[in-house]
Amino acid sequence: MTETTIALVTGANKGIGYEIAAGLGALGWSIGVGARDDQRREAAVEKLRAGGVDAFGVPLDVTDDASVSAAAELIEGRAGRLDVLVNNAGITGGRPQEPSSVDLAIIRTVVETNVIGVVRVTNAMLPLLRRSAAPRIVNMSSSVGSLTRQSGPADDLTTGPVALAYSPSKTFLNGVTVQYARELRGTNIKINAACPGFVATDLNGFRGVRTPQQGAATAIRLATLPDDGPTGGFFEDAGVVPW
């Protein structure tokens, strides 16, 4: 009998994160639903379980060292290892974010969650991931972090609005992903960045044109990569996103 695959999805109580949890859970995996809000987290766990998913709640605030350490201890005690980590939790920081007038506190807040939070969680979970036969890390980025697209003639649907905190935070996250891939070269750990596309979620006031389920597809694909799959890449449904 093969062991059940264990995954942790941060920010999994709603939107794309919830659909990633549901999609991976449909494969028969055991899914840790990482979220900081107790009520929303438990509601998501109940909903996933009602749909047949082996889900469990993981209290997790990616900006808090103690919370992240406790989450790693919870997974250690439950499974002794982690097979897949999906760093999905993220914030936009709100608007406006025009460079000439942006509140510097917004930049710090966004980077703390979208970048430092990913590093904090990844480093806490790496010892557990190293015990997996086929560990995978997926960082939920966005094509608005593509410098190629931001500096080209693409429209707002592709680049998003001018946003000094949010868009560069995803560029930063892409750079972080590459650095992890370099360090982990020669191991069996694969790490990639995923763009979900312009998905209708509360993150953007539900202005997106894709469903959360569609937005989860690339992350699910990267979470289930075969041993000869890529690492250190940036992907969307259509393929590779330019840096």
Protein backbone atom coordinates (compact mmCIF):
# COMPACT_ATOMS: atom_id res chain seq x y z
CA MET A 1 0.00 0.00 0.00
CA THR A 2 1.46 3.37 -1.02
CA GLU A 3 1.62 6.24 1.43
CA THR A 4 -0.86 9.08 1.10
CA THR A 5 0.66 12.22 -0.42
CA ILE A 6 0.67 15.11 2.07
CA ALA A 7 0.28 18.69 0.81
CA LEU A 8 0.09 22.08 2.50
CA VAL A 9 -1.62 24.97 0.72
CA THR A 10 -1.29 28.40 2.34
CA GLY A 11 -4.22 30.80 2.05
CA ALA A 12 -6.41 27.80 1.23
CA ASN A 13 -9.62 28.94 2.88
CA LYS A 14 -10.96 30.70 -0.23
CA GLY A 15 -10.44 31.55 -3.90
CA ILE A 16 -7.60 29.98 -5.85
CA GLY A 17 -6.06 28.43 -2.73
CA TYR A 18 -9.26 26.59 -1.92
CA GLU A 19 -9.51 25.26 -5.48
CA ILE A 20 -5.88 24.10 -5.39
CA ALA A 21 -6.68 22.23 -2.17
CA ALA A 22 -9.79 20.75 -3.73
CA GLY A 23 -7.99 19.73 -6.91
CA LEU A 24 -5.11 18.06 -5.09
CA GLY A 25 -7.51 16.49 -2.64
CA ALA A 26 -9.44 14.95 -5.52
CA LEU A 27 -6.27 12.96 -6.29
CA GLY A 28 -6.66 11.21 -2.96
CA TRP A 29 -4.09 13.36 -1.20
CA SER A 30 -4.26 14.57 2.39
CA ILE A 31 -4.46 18.37 2.32
CA GLY A 32 -3.41 20.81 4.99
CA VAL A 33 -5.58 23.91 4.72
CA GLY A 34 -3.32 26.74 5.83
CA ALA A 35 -5.14 29.91 6.89
CA ARG A 36 -4.90 32.47 9.69
CA ASP A 37 -8.64 32.99 10.22
CA ASP A 38 -9.94 30.15 12.41
CA GLN A 39 -13.56 30.28 11.28
CA ARG A 40 -12.80 30.50 7.57
CA ARG A 41 -10.20 27.76 7.82
CA GLU A 42 -12.50 25.32 9.57
CA ALA A 43 -15.37 26.15 7.21
CA ALA A 44 -13.10 25.34 4.26
CA VAL A 45 -12.00 22.07 5.88
CA GLU A 46 -15.62 21.07 6.45
CA LYS A 47 -16.55 21.92 2.86
CA LEU A 48 -13.60 19.96 1.47
CA ARG A 49 -14.41 16.96 3.65
CA ALA A 50 -18.03 17.09 2.52
CA GLY A 51 -16.67 16.78 -1.02
CA GLY A 52 -14.67 13.70 -0.10
CA VAL A 53 -11.29 15.35 0.48
CA ASP A 54 -9.03 14.24 3.35
CA ALA A 55 -8.50 17.79 4.63
CA PHE A 56 -7.14 19.09 7.92
CA GLY A 57 -6.75 22.61 9.26
CA VAL A 58 -3.36 24.24 9.75
CA PRO A 59 -3.44 27.54 11.66
CA LEU A 60 -0.97 29.65 9.71
CA ASP A 61 -0.05 33.32 9.52
CA VAL A 62 2.83 33.52 7.04
CA THR A 63 4.05 36.79 8.60
CA ASP A 64 4.50 35.27 12.06
CA ASP A 65 7.53 33.14 12.97
CA ALA A 66 5.81 31.34 15.84
CA SER A 67 2.74 30.54 13.75
CA VAL A 68 4.86 29.09 10.94
CA SER A 69 6.95 27.02 13.37
CA ALA A 70 3.78 25.66 14.95
CA ALA A 71 2.43 24.73 11.52
CA ALA A 72 5.59 22.77 10.75
CA GLU A 73 5.29 20.98 14.09
CA LEU A 74 1.66 20.13 13.38
CA ILE A 75 2.54 18.53 10.04
CA GLU A 76 5.55 16.79 11.59
CA GLY A 77 3.32 15.24 14.23
CA ARG A 78 0.61 14.29 11.78
CA ALA A 79 2.64 12.87 8.90
CA GLY A 80 6.35 13.12 9.66
CA ARG A 81 6.99 14.61 6.24
CA LEU A 82 5.56 16.94 3.58
CA ASP A 83 5.36 16.07 -0.11
CA VAL A 84 4.01 19.30 -1.62
CA LEU A 85 4.03 22.92 -0.47
CA VAL A 86 1.94 25.47 -2.34
CA ASN A 87 2.78 29.02 -1.24
CA ASN A 88 -0.49 30.64 -2.26
CA ALA A 89 -1.18 33.20 0.49
CA GLY A 90 -0.80 36.74 -0.81
CA ILE A 91 -2.16 40.28 -0.64
CA THR A 92 -2.37 43.20 -3.10
CA GLY A 93 -1.92 45.96 -0.55
CA GLY A 94 -4.87 47.87 -2.00
CA ARG A 95 -4.76 50.92 -4.22
CA PRO A 96 -3.52 53.45 -5.22
CA GLN A 97 0.07 52.29 -5.71
CA GLU A 98 1.42 54.89 -8.13
CA PRO A 99 5.20 55.07 -7.57
CA SER A 100 5.30 58.84 -6.97
CA SER A 101 2.74 58.75 -4.17
CA VAL A 102 2.75 55.22 -2.73
CA ASP A 103 2.71 54.80 1.04
CA LEU A 104 6.00 53.09 1.93
CA ALA A 105 4.22 51.10 4.65
CA ILE A 106 2.15 49.39 1.95
CA ILE A 107 5.32 48.18 0.20
CA ARG A 108 6.65 46.74 3.45
CA THR A 109 3.36 45.00 4.22
CA VAL A 110 3.03 43.46 0.76
CA VAL A 111 6.63 42.24 0.65
CA GLU A 112 6.32 40.82 4.17
CA THR A 113 3.45 38.57 3.04
CA ASN A 114 4.17 37.92 -0.63
CA VAL A 115 7.93 37.41 -0.42
CA ILE A 116 9.28 37.12 3.11
CA GLY A 117 6.27 35.01 4.11
CA VAL A 118 7.05 32.55 1.31
CA VAL A 119 10.69 32.29 2.43
CA ARG A 120 9.62 31.87 6.06
CA VAL A 121 7.17 29.06 5.28
CA THR A 122 9.43 27.34 2.75
CA ASN A 123 12.38 27.24 5.13
CA ALA A 124 10.22 25.90 7.95
CA MET A 125 8.87 23.14 5.72
CA LEU A 126 12.11 22.18 3.92
CA PRO A 127 13.19 19.61 6.55
CA LEU A 128 9.83 17.86 6.07
CA LEU A 129 10.00 18.15 2.28
CA ARG A 130 13.46 16.55 2.26
CA ARG A 131 11.87 13.39 3.68
CA SER A 132 9.57 13.06 0.66
CA ALA A 133 10.27 10.80 -2.30
CA ALA A 134 9.15 13.50 -4.77
CA PRO A 135 8.91 16.91 -3.07
CA ARG A 136 7.39 19.81 -4.97
CA ILE A 137 7.13 23.51 -4.10
CA VAL A 138 4.81 25.82 -6.03
CA ASN A 139 4.96 29.59 -5.50
CA MET A 140 1.84 31.38 -6.66
CA SER A 141 3.13 34.34 -8.61
CA SER A 142 1.47 36.43 -11.32
CA SER A 143 2.31 37.45 -14.84
CA VAL A 144 2.15 41.05 -13.57
CA GLY A 145 5.55 40.20 -12.10
CA SER A 146 6.96 39.66 -15.59
CA LEU A 147 9.36 42.50 -16.39
CA THR A 148 9.10 41.56 -20.06
CA ARG A 149 5.35 42.12 -20.06
CA GLN A 150 5.45 45.17 -17.78
CA SER A 151 7.96 46.94 -20.03
CA GLY A 152 6.30 45.96 -23.30
CA PRO A 153 3.18 47.06 -25.17
CA ALA A 154 0.82 44.68 -23.34
CA ASP A 155 -2.57 45.96 -22.16
CA ASP A 156 -3.77 46.31 -18.57
CA LEU A 157 -5.44 42.89 -18.72
CA THR A 158 -1.93 41.40 -18.94
CA THR A 159 0.08 43.85 -16.86
CA GLY A 160 -2.52 44.94 -14.32
CA PRO A 161 -2.69 48.53 -13.08
CA VAL A 162 0.40 50.52 -12.10
CA ALA A 163 1.18 48.96 -8.72
CA LEU A 164 4.53 49.65 -7.07
CA ALA A 165 3.96 47.21 -4.20
CA TYR A 166 2.08 44.27 -5.70
CA SER A 167 3.62 43.77 -9.14
CA PRO A 168 7.26 44.07 -8.02
CA SER A 169 6.50 41.76 -5.08
CA LYS A 170 5.74 39.05 -7.64
CA THR A 171 8.91 39.92 -9.58
CA PHE A 172 10.78 39.53 -6.28
CA LEU A 173 9.03 36.21 -5.65
CA ASN A 174 10.07 34.97 -9.10
CA GLY A 175 13.68 35.85 -8.27
CA VAL A 176 13.39 34.05 -4.93
CA THR A 177 12.05 30.97 -6.74
CA VAL A 178 15.08 30.89 -9.03
CA GLN A 179 17.48 31.20 -6.09
CA TYR A 180 15.86 28.25 -4.32
CA ALA A 181 16.06 26.23 -7.54
CA ARG A 182 19.77 27.00 -7.76
CA GLU A 183 20.42 25.96 -4.16
CA LEU A 184 18.32 22.80 -4.50
CA ARG A 185 19.86 21.74 -7.81
CA GLY A 186 21.00 18.16 -7.47
CA THR A 187 18.23 17.29 -5.00
CA ASN A 188 14.83 15.79 -5.83
CA ILE A 189 13.03 18.99 -4.78
CA LYS A 190 11.42 20.88 -7.65
CA ILE A 191 10.30 24.49 -7.17
CA ASN A 192 8.43 26.58 -9.73
CA ALA A 193 6.33 29.75 -9.95
CA ALA A 194 2.77 29.66 -11.26
CA CYS A 195 0.58 32.38 -12.74
CA PRO A 196 -3.15 31.66 -12.32
CA GLY A 197 -4.24 34.29 -14.85
CA PHE A 198 -6.73 37.09 -14.18
CA VAL A 199 -9.04 35.22 -11.81
CA ALA A 200 -12.19 36.66 -10.26
CA THR A 201 -11.46 36.66 -6.50
CA ASP A 202 -11.90 39.09 -3.64
CA LEU A 203 -8.23 40.00 -4.18
CA ASN A 204 -9.29 42.05 -7.22
CA GLY A 205 -12.90 42.79 -6.32
CA PHE A 206 -14.00 39.86 -8.53
CA ARG A 207 -13.06 41.76 -11.69
CA GLY A 208 -11.18 38.78 -13.15
CA VAL A 209 -12.27 36.84 -16.22
CA ARG A 210 -11.26 33.35 -15.05
CA THR A 211 -12.73 31.11 -12.36
CA PRO A 212 -10.72 30.11 -9.29
CA GLN A 213 -10.86 26.53 -10.56
CA GLN A 214 -9.23 27.61 -13.83
CA GLY A 215 -6.69 29.61 -11.85
CA ALA A 216 -5.73 26.54 -9.83
CA ALA A 217 -4.87 24.39 -12.86
CA THR A 218 -1.23 25.43 -13.36
CA ALA A 219 -0.42 25.07 -9.66
CA ILE A 220 -1.94 21.58 -9.62
CA ARG A 221 0.13 20.64 -12.67
CA LEU A 222 3.34 21.90 -11.06
CA ALA A 223 2.49 20.16 -7.78
CA THR A 224 2.22 16.85 -9.61
CA LEU A 225 5.29 17.11 -11.87
CA PRO A 226 7.03 13.88 -12.82
CA ASP A 227 10.66 13.33 -11.84
CA ASP A 228 11.86 14.69 -15.19
CA GLY A 229 9.75 17.84 -14.88
CA PRO A 230 11.16 21.38 -14.83
CA THR A 231 12.43 23.35 -11.86
CA GLY A 232 13.14 27.06 -11.45
CA GLY A 233 10.55 28.01 -14.08
CA PHE A 234 7.61 30.41 -14.37
CA PHE A 235 4.47 28.97 -15.93
CA GLU A 236 0.87 29.75 -16.90
CA ASP A 237 -1.77 27.69 -18.72
CA ALA A 238 -0.33 28.60 -22.12
CA GLY A 239 3.22 27.60 -21.13
CA VAL A 240 6.28 29.51 -19.99
CA VAL A 241 5.88 33.13 -18.82
CA PRO A 242 8.77 35.39 -19.82
CA TRP A 243 10.75 36.82 -16.92
